[in-house]
Amino acid sequence: MLKNKYRFIYMILLGIIFVLLVELFNREHQKTNDLLLKLILGSIISCILWEGNIRIDHWLNIKYPWLSKPKTRLTIQLIVTPIYTALTLKILLLAAEIVQTKETLFQRRPPPHDPIFLPALLLAFIIFLTDISVHFFRAWKQSIIDAERYKTERTEAQLHVLKNQLNPHFLFNNLSVLSSLVYQNQNKAVSFISELAKVYRYVIESNNKEIILLKEEIEFINHYVYLLKIRFDNSFSCSIKIEDNLLKYYILPMSLQILVENAIQHNEASQQRPLKVNIYSSDNCLLIENNIQSRIEDKESSKLGLLNIQSRYSYITTEKVQFSRDENTFKVILPLILK
């Protein structure tokens, strides 16, 4: 719809143009005062009709959006708009004639047909249908833009997840741990290889999924944490406590891995200062906490991983991802999704 500051000017101009067109084809000579009164009345009628239809359109946009309920919206629009326009136009033309003739409603003798009503109604329908069509196609065009933006952001988020997990640094660290285990404890090395394979299998299988069962994500993070515990020994610990009834809910794939990796990346983990991550459930949400013990050489975080999680959640649910931080603890709250 037109912006407020231009809308009323457009309405008044339409009313004036219509009156002038009627007068152009009217053979009777009109006095200047009569024409001026008709222009004023025509502008008022145009404003009332247009503003009323705008209000109806706004209400329908809320109740029956074009993109989510197109058939219902079209049906209701084709019923409500013509009825409102026809009845309102008839009443306003009657009121305008009474003002012009200075006759009361009871003194007025209605003509066999109103020569202005049908042309005015046709013009009103053409204008309103054109405006509604423009509004619909703008919404449709915006939905295409949003869909393309979502695809781009989803691809970028997936690439970021893969980089977090499959980057050479991660692979190098795990191979270094594995090479040490081969000489020190071959049985443990075999277990390490098995867990590493499960981690990479999950990464590949979940790559094209928008959401995944919380149960599967928890199983994955257990494999991932196993690798981290061998790598950091007693310098790192992760506690996971999830209510069984919540395992049927869904979550973004690898979102827990990003948050655990984020905690390791930005905090010191040593025998003297062990890093502790707690993952637990509360009120249909998943909470991920870690103690804050920033690295001395730690650079300012780009927060790319956290922003990616927020962005991906925004396309799936209206629930918001929440972050909080105090002197000792960094906390993330992920809403669980019920299909």
Protein backbone atom coordinates (compact mmCIF):
# COMPACT_ATOMS: atom_id res chain seq x y z
CA MET A 1 0.00 0.00 0.00
CA LEU A 2 1.02 3.60 -0.50
CA LYS A 3 2.97 5.39 2.19
CA ASN A 4 0.87 7.56 4.53
CA LYS A 5 2.26 10.91 3.34
CA TYR A 6 1.32 10.20 -0.31
CA ARG A 7 -1.80 8.12 0.21
CA PHE A 8 -4.32 10.90 0.84
CA ILE A 9 -2.97 13.04 -2.01
CA TYR A 10 -3.46 10.07 -4.34
CA MET A 11 -7.00 9.50 -3.03
CA ILE A 12 -8.00 13.13 -3.50
CA LEU A 13 -6.55 13.21 -7.04
CA LEU A 14 -8.50 10.08 -7.99
CA GLY A 15 -11.73 11.64 -6.72
CA ILE A 16 -11.09 14.88 -8.64
CA ILE A 17 -10.20 13.03 -11.86
CA PHE A 18 -13.37 10.92 -11.68
CA VAL A 19 -15.60 13.98 -11.11
CA LEU A 20 -13.96 15.83 -14.02
CA LEU A 21 -14.47 12.81 -16.32
CA VAL A 22 -18.16 12.65 -15.37
CA GLU A 23 -18.56 16.38 -15.93
CA LEU A 24 -16.79 16.16 -19.30
CA PHE A 25 -19.47 13.82 -20.64
CA ASN A 26 -22.32 15.61 -18.87
CA ARG A 27 -24.23 17.75 -21.38
CA GLU A 28 -25.80 19.99 -18.76
CA HIS A 29 -23.96 23.23 -18.03
CA GLN A 30 -22.69 23.32 -14.43
CA LYS A 31 -22.04 26.38 -12.35
CA THR A 32 -18.58 26.89 -10.94
CA ASN A 33 -19.86 26.52 -7.36
CA ASP A 34 -21.62 23.23 -8.26
CA LEU A 35 -18.44 21.87 -9.82
CA LEU A 36 -16.35 22.89 -6.81
CA LEU A 37 -18.80 21.17 -4.45
CA LYS A 38 -18.71 18.02 -6.59
CA LEU A 39 -14.90 18.01 -6.55
CA ILE A 40 -14.91 18.28 -2.76
CA LEU A 41 -17.52 15.52 -2.39
CA GLY A 42 -15.71 13.31 -4.91
CA SER A 43 -12.45 13.68 -2.95
CA ILE A 44 -14.20 12.79 0.32
CA ILE A 45 -15.84 9.69 -1.22
CA SER A 46 -12.52 8.59 -2.70
CA CYS A 47 -10.73 8.95 0.67
CA ILE A 48 -13.40 7.01 2.61
CA LEU A 49 -13.51 4.18 0.06
CA TRP A 50 -9.75 3.89 -0.21
CA GLU A 51 -9.02 4.15 3.53
CA GLY A 52 -11.69 1.58 4.34
CA ASN A 53 -10.28 -0.91 1.85
CA ILE A 54 -6.77 -0.30 3.19
CA ARG A 55 -7.98 -1.16 6.71
CA ILE A 56 -9.66 -4.31 5.41
CA ASP A 57 -6.49 -5.29 3.52
CA HIS A 58 -4.30 -4.76 6.62
CA TRP A 59 -6.64 -6.88 8.73
CA LEU A 60 -6.62 -9.66 6.12
CA ASN A 61 -2.81 -9.48 5.94
CA ILE A 62 -2.70 -10.37 9.64
CA LYS A 63 -5.45 -13.02 9.65
CA TYR A 64 -4.91 -14.59 6.22
CA PRO A 65 -1.46 -13.74 4.75
CA TRP A 66 -1.11 -14.14 0.99
CA LEU A 67 1.91 -16.42 1.21
CA SER A 68 0.66 -18.86 3.85
CA LYS A 69 -3.11 -18.92 3.04
CA PRO A 70 -3.50 -17.74 -0.57
CA LYS A 71 -6.79 -19.55 -1.40
CA THR A 72 -8.56 -18.47 1.78
CA ARG A 73 -7.25 -14.93 1.41
CA LEU A 74 -8.38 -14.64 -2.22
CA THR A 75 -11.86 -15.98 -1.40
CA ILE A 76 -12.41 -13.64 1.56
CA GLN A 77 -10.92 -10.67 -0.32
CA LEU A 78 -13.26 -11.21 -3.29
CA ILE A 79 -16.24 -11.29 -0.92
CA VAL A 80 -15.41 -8.54 1.56
CA THR A 81 -13.92 -5.91 -0.78
CA PRO A 82 -16.81 -5.80 -3.34
CA ILE A 83 -19.50 -5.79 -0.60
CA TYR A 84 -17.82 -3.00 1.35
CA THR A 85 -17.07 -0.96 -1.78
CA ALA A 86 -20.57 -1.29 -3.28
CA LEU A 87 -22.49 -0.53 -0.07
CA THR A 88 -20.21 2.31 1.00
CA LEU A 89 -20.22 3.87 -2.48
CA LYS A 90 -24.03 3.70 -2.68
CA ILE A 91 -24.44 5.36 0.72
CA LEU A 92 -21.83 8.04 -0.02
CA LEU A 93 -23.33 8.89 -3.44
CA LEU A 94 -26.75 9.19 -1.81
CA ALA A 95 -25.32 11.46 0.88
CA ALA A 96 -23.51 13.55 -1.78
CA GLU A 97 -26.73 14.02 -3.77
CA ILE A 98 -28.61 15.12 -0.64
CA VAL A 99 -25.86 17.68 0.07
CA GLN A 100 -26.04 18.97 -3.52
CA THR A 101 -29.82 19.14 -3.84
CA LYS A 102 -30.38 20.14 -0.20
CA GLU A 103 -33.25 17.67 -0.01
CA THR A 104 -33.83 15.39 2.92
CA LEU A 105 -33.78 11.62 2.50
CA PHE A 106 -37.60 11.54 2.64
CA GLN A 107 -38.09 14.39 0.14
CA ARG A 108 -35.72 12.85 -2.42
CA ARG A 109 -37.21 10.91 -5.30
CA PRO A 110 -34.75 8.27 -6.42
CA PRO A 111 -34.14 8.13 -10.20
CA PRO A 112 -34.88 4.86 -12.05
CA HIS A 113 -31.11 4.30 -12.17
CA ASP A 114 -28.04 6.08 -10.86
CA PRO A 115 -25.81 6.96 -13.85
CA ILE A 116 -22.75 7.58 -11.66
CA PHE A 117 -22.89 4.49 -9.42
CA LEU A 118 -21.84 1.80 -11.93
CA PRO A 119 -18.90 3.75 -13.48
CA ALA A 120 -17.70 4.74 -9.98
CA LEU A 121 -17.99 1.15 -8.76
CA LEU A 122 -16.11 -0.18 -11.79
CA LEU A 123 -13.32 2.37 -11.37
CA ALA A 124 -13.06 1.57 -7.64
CA PHE A 125 -12.78 -2.16 -8.34
CA ILE A 126 -10.08 -1.63 -10.97
CA ILE A 127 -8.02 0.56 -8.63
CA PHE A 128 -8.37 -1.72 -5.59
CA LEU A 129 -7.68 -4.93 -7.52
CA THR A 130 -4.61 -3.32 -9.09
CA ASP A 131 -3.33 -2.20 -5.71
CA ILE A 132 -4.00 -5.59 -4.09
CA SER A 133 -2.24 -7.35 -6.99
CA VAL A 134 0.81 -5.10 -6.62
CA HIS A 135 0.83 -5.80 -2.87
CA PHE A 136 0.64 -9.56 -3.46
CA PHE A 137 3.45 -9.62 -6.03
CA ARG A 138 5.67 -7.53 -3.76
CA ALA A 139 5.12 -10.05 -0.95
CA TRP A 140 5.77 -12.92 -3.35
CA LYS A 141 8.96 -11.27 -4.61
CA GLN A 142 10.12 -10.69 -1.01
CA SER A 143 9.47 -14.35 -0.18
CA ILE A 144 11.72 -15.39 -3.09
CA ILE A 145 14.45 -13.04 -1.85
CA ASP A 146 14.09 -14.41 1.70
CA ALA A 147 14.23 -18.00 0.42
CA GLU A 148 17.41 -17.31 -1.55
CA ARG A 149 18.97 -15.53 1.42
CA TYR A 150 18.06 -18.50 3.62
CA LYS A 151 19.72 -20.92 1.18
CA THR A 152 22.86 -18.77 1.13
CA GLU A 153 23.03 -18.42 4.91
CA ARG A 154 22.29 -22.13 5.39
CA THR A 155 25.11 -23.02 3.02
CA GLU A 156 27.47 -20.64 4.81
CA ALA A 157 26.44 -22.09 8.17
CA GLN A 158 27.04 -25.64 6.94
CA LEU A 159 30.45 -24.67 5.62
CA HIS A 160 31.31 -23.06 8.92
CA VAL A 161 30.25 -26.20 10.80
CA LEU A 162 32.37 -28.37 8.52
CA LYS A 163 35.36 -26.05 8.92
CA ASN A 164 34.99 -26.22 12.69
CA GLN A 165 35.00 -29.99 12.63
CA LEU A 166 37.04 -30.94 9.60
CA ASN A 167 39.66 -28.23 9.50
CA PRO A 168 43.30 -29.38 9.25
CA HIS A 169 44.00 -28.17 12.79
CA PHE A 170 41.33 -30.47 14.23
CA LEU A 171 42.51 -33.39 12.13
CA PHE A 172 46.15 -32.73 13.07
CA ASN A 173 45.32 -32.67 16.80
CA ASN A 174 43.47 -35.97 16.61
CA LEU A 175 46.16 -37.65 14.53
CA SER A 176 48.77 -36.46 17.03
CA VAL A 177 46.78 -37.98 19.89
CA LEU A 178 46.30 -41.17 17.88
CA SER A 179 50.01 -41.51 17.11
CA SER A 180 50.81 -41.27 20.83
CA LEU A 181 48.16 -43.82 21.72
CA VAL A 182 49.45 -46.32 19.18
CA TYR A 183 52.73 -46.58 21.12
CA GLN A 184 51.29 -46.18 24.61
CA ASN A 185 47.98 -48.04 24.59
CA GLN A 186 46.93 -49.91 21.44
CA ASN A 187 43.52 -50.90 22.81
CA LYS A 188 42.77 -47.26 23.58
CA ALA A 189 44.00 -46.32 20.11
CA VAL A 190 41.49 -48.70 18.56
CA SER A 191 38.69 -47.12 20.62
CA PHE A 192 39.90 -43.66 19.61
CA ILE A 193 39.76 -44.57 15.90
CA SER A 194 36.27 -45.99 16.34
CA GLU A 195 35.00 -42.83 18.05
CA LEU A 196 36.70 -40.61 15.47
CA ALA A 197 34.99 -42.55 12.67
CA LYS A 198 31.59 -42.09 14.37
CA VAL A 199 32.18 -38.35 14.65
CA TYR A 200 33.00 -37.99 10.95
CA ARG A 201 30.11 -40.25 9.95
CA TYR A 202 27.68 -38.04 11.85
CA VAL A 203 29.12 -34.90 10.23
CA ILE A 204 28.53 -36.35 6.76
CA GLU A 205 25.07 -37.80 7.47
CA SER A 206 23.71 -34.67 9.19
CA ASN A 207 25.15 -32.21 6.68
CA ASN A 208 21.93 -31.88 4.64
CA LYS A 209 19.50 -31.96 7.58
CA GLU A 210 17.95 -28.78 8.97
CA ILE A 211 17.03 -30.36 12.32
CA ILE A 212 17.88 -33.64 13.98
CA LEU A 213 16.63 -35.64 16.96
CA LEU A 214 18.13 -34.49 20.24
CA LYS A 215 18.86 -38.15 21.02
CA GLU A 216 21.11 -38.40 17.93
CA GLU A 217 22.84 -35.10 18.69
CA ILE A 218 23.56 -36.24 22.25
CA GLU A 219 24.99 -39.53 20.99
CA PHE A 220 27.23 -37.56 18.62
CA ILE A 221 28.43 -35.13 21.28
CA ASN A 222 29.31 -38.07 23.53
CA HIS A 223 31.62 -39.40 20.79
CA TYR A 224 33.07 -35.94 20.30
CA VAL A 225 33.63 -35.42 24.03
CA TYR A 226 35.39 -38.80 24.22
CA LEU A 227 38.00 -37.52 21.75
CA LEU A 228 38.39 -34.27 23.71
CA LYS A 229 38.88 -36.08 27.02
CA ILE A 230 41.66 -38.21 25.59
CA ARG A 231 43.25 -35.12 24.09
CA PHE A 232 42.99 -32.93 27.23
CA ASP A 233 42.98 -35.68 29.87
CA ASN A 234 41.89 -34.17 33.21
CA SER A 235 42.01 -30.62 31.85
CA PHE A 236 38.55 -30.93 30.31
CA SER A 237 35.25 -32.41 31.50
CA CYS A 238 31.72 -32.42 30.12
CA SER A 239 28.58 -33.30 32.06
CA ILE A 240 25.39 -34.16 30.13
CA LYS A 241 22.05 -34.47 31.94
CA ILE A 242 18.97 -34.56 29.71
CA GLU A 243 15.45 -35.62 30.68
CA ASP A 244 14.43 -38.75 28.79
CA ASN A 245 11.09 -37.29 27.66
CA LEU A 246 12.95 -34.52 25.79
CA LEU A 247 14.99 -36.87 23.60
CA LYS A 248 12.08 -36.95 21.09
CA TYR A 249 12.56 -33.21 20.49
CA TYR A 250 14.72 -31.78 17.71
CA ILE A 251 17.74 -29.49 17.56
CA LEU A 252 20.06 -28.02 14.94
CA PRO A 253 22.63 -30.62 13.91
CA MET A 254 26.11 -30.02 15.38
CA SER A 255 24.97 -26.98 17.36
CA LEU A 256 26.31 -28.59 20.56
CA GLN A 257 29.65 -29.29 18.88
CA ILE A 258 29.95 -25.63 17.88
CA LEU A 259 29.29 -24.49 21.46
CA VAL A 260 31.69 -26.99 23.03
CA GLU A 261 34.36 -26.09 20.47
CA ASN A 262 33.67 -22.41 21.19
CA ALA A 263 34.30 -23.00 24.91
CA ILE A 264 37.62 -24.76 24.20
CA GLN A 265 38.70 -22.14 21.69
CA HIS A 266 38.28 -19.18 24.03
CA ASN A 267 39.17 -20.62 27.43
CA GLU A 268 42.23 -22.10 29.08
CA ALA A 269 42.12 -25.84 29.82
CA SER A 270 44.88 -27.10 32.08
CA GLN A 271 45.46 -29.41 35.03
CA GLN A 272 45.52 -26.39 37.34
CA ARG A 273 42.50 -24.75 35.69
CA PRO A 274 40.29 -27.45 34.14
CA LEU A 275 37.58 -26.39 31.71
CA LYS A 276 34.13 -27.66 32.65
CA VAL A 277 31.17 -27.78 30.26
CA ASN A 278 27.66 -28.63 31.52
CA ILE A 279 24.83 -29.58 29.16
CA TYR A 280 21.42 -30.00 30.79
CA SER A 281 17.71 -29.50 30.09
CA SER A 282 15.18 -27.15 31.66
CA ASP A 283 11.72 -25.97 30.50
CA ASN A 284 11.97 -27.59 27.06
CA CYS A 285 15.31 -25.91 26.47
CA LEU A 286 18.89 -27.08 26.37
CA LEU A 287 21.39 -25.13 28.46
CA ILE A 288 25.12 -25.22 27.73
CA GLU A 289 27.39 -23.66 30.35
CA ASN A 290 31.13 -23.38 30.75
CA ASN A 291 33.36 -21.69 33.30
CA ILE A 292 35.13 -18.59 32.00
CA GLN A 293 38.92 -18.62 32.18
CA SER A 294 40.01 -16.63 29.16
CA ARG A 295 43.33 -17.27 27.50
CA ILE A 296 45.91 -14.53 27.98
CA GLU A 297 46.65 -14.43 24.24
CA ASP A 298 42.98 -14.84 23.24
CA LYS A 299 41.90 -12.41 20.54
CA GLU A 300 38.47 -10.80 20.43
CA SER A 301 35.90 -13.38 19.27
CA SER A 302 34.16 -12.91 15.90
CA LYS A 303 31.14 -14.78 17.36
CA LEU A 304 30.60 -16.35 13.94
CA GLY A 305 29.54 -19.71 15.37
CA LEU A 306 27.02 -18.15 17.77
CA LEU A 307 25.59 -15.90 15.06
CA ASN A 308 25.22 -18.87 12.70
CA ILE A 309 23.24 -20.77 15.33
CA GLN A 310 20.99 -17.76 15.89
CA SER A 311 20.45 -17.27 12.17
CA ARG A 312 19.65 -20.93 11.50
CA TYR A 313 17.20 -21.05 14.42
CA SER A 314 15.38 -17.94 13.16
CA TYR A 315 14.32 -19.78 9.99
CA ILE A 316 12.98 -22.81 11.87
CA THR A 317 11.25 -21.43 14.97
CA THR A 318 10.15 -18.15 16.54
CA GLU A 319 11.89 -19.18 19.76
CA LYS A 320 15.10 -17.24 20.32
CA VAL A 321 18.57 -18.52 21.15
CA GLN A 322 19.76 -16.76 24.30
CA PHE A 323 23.29 -15.95 25.45
CA SER A 324 24.30 -14.71 28.87
CA ARG A 325 27.59 -14.09 30.61
CA ASP A 326 28.67 -13.13 34.10
CA GLU A 327 32.08 -13.01 35.75
CA ASN A 328 32.39 -16.78 36.03
CA THR A 329 30.04 -18.47 33.56
CA PHE A 330 29.06 -18.28 29.90
CA LYS A 331 25.63 -19.75 29.18
CA VAL A 332 23.71 -20.53 25.98
CA ILE A 333 20.03 -21.52 25.93
CA LEU A 334 18.88 -23.47 22.87
CA PRO A 335 15.10 -23.94 22.46
CA LEU A 336 14.11 -27.51 21.65
CA ILE A 337 11.92 -28.01 18.59
CA LEU A 338 8.87 -30.28 18.52
CA LYS A 339 7.96 -31.46 15.01
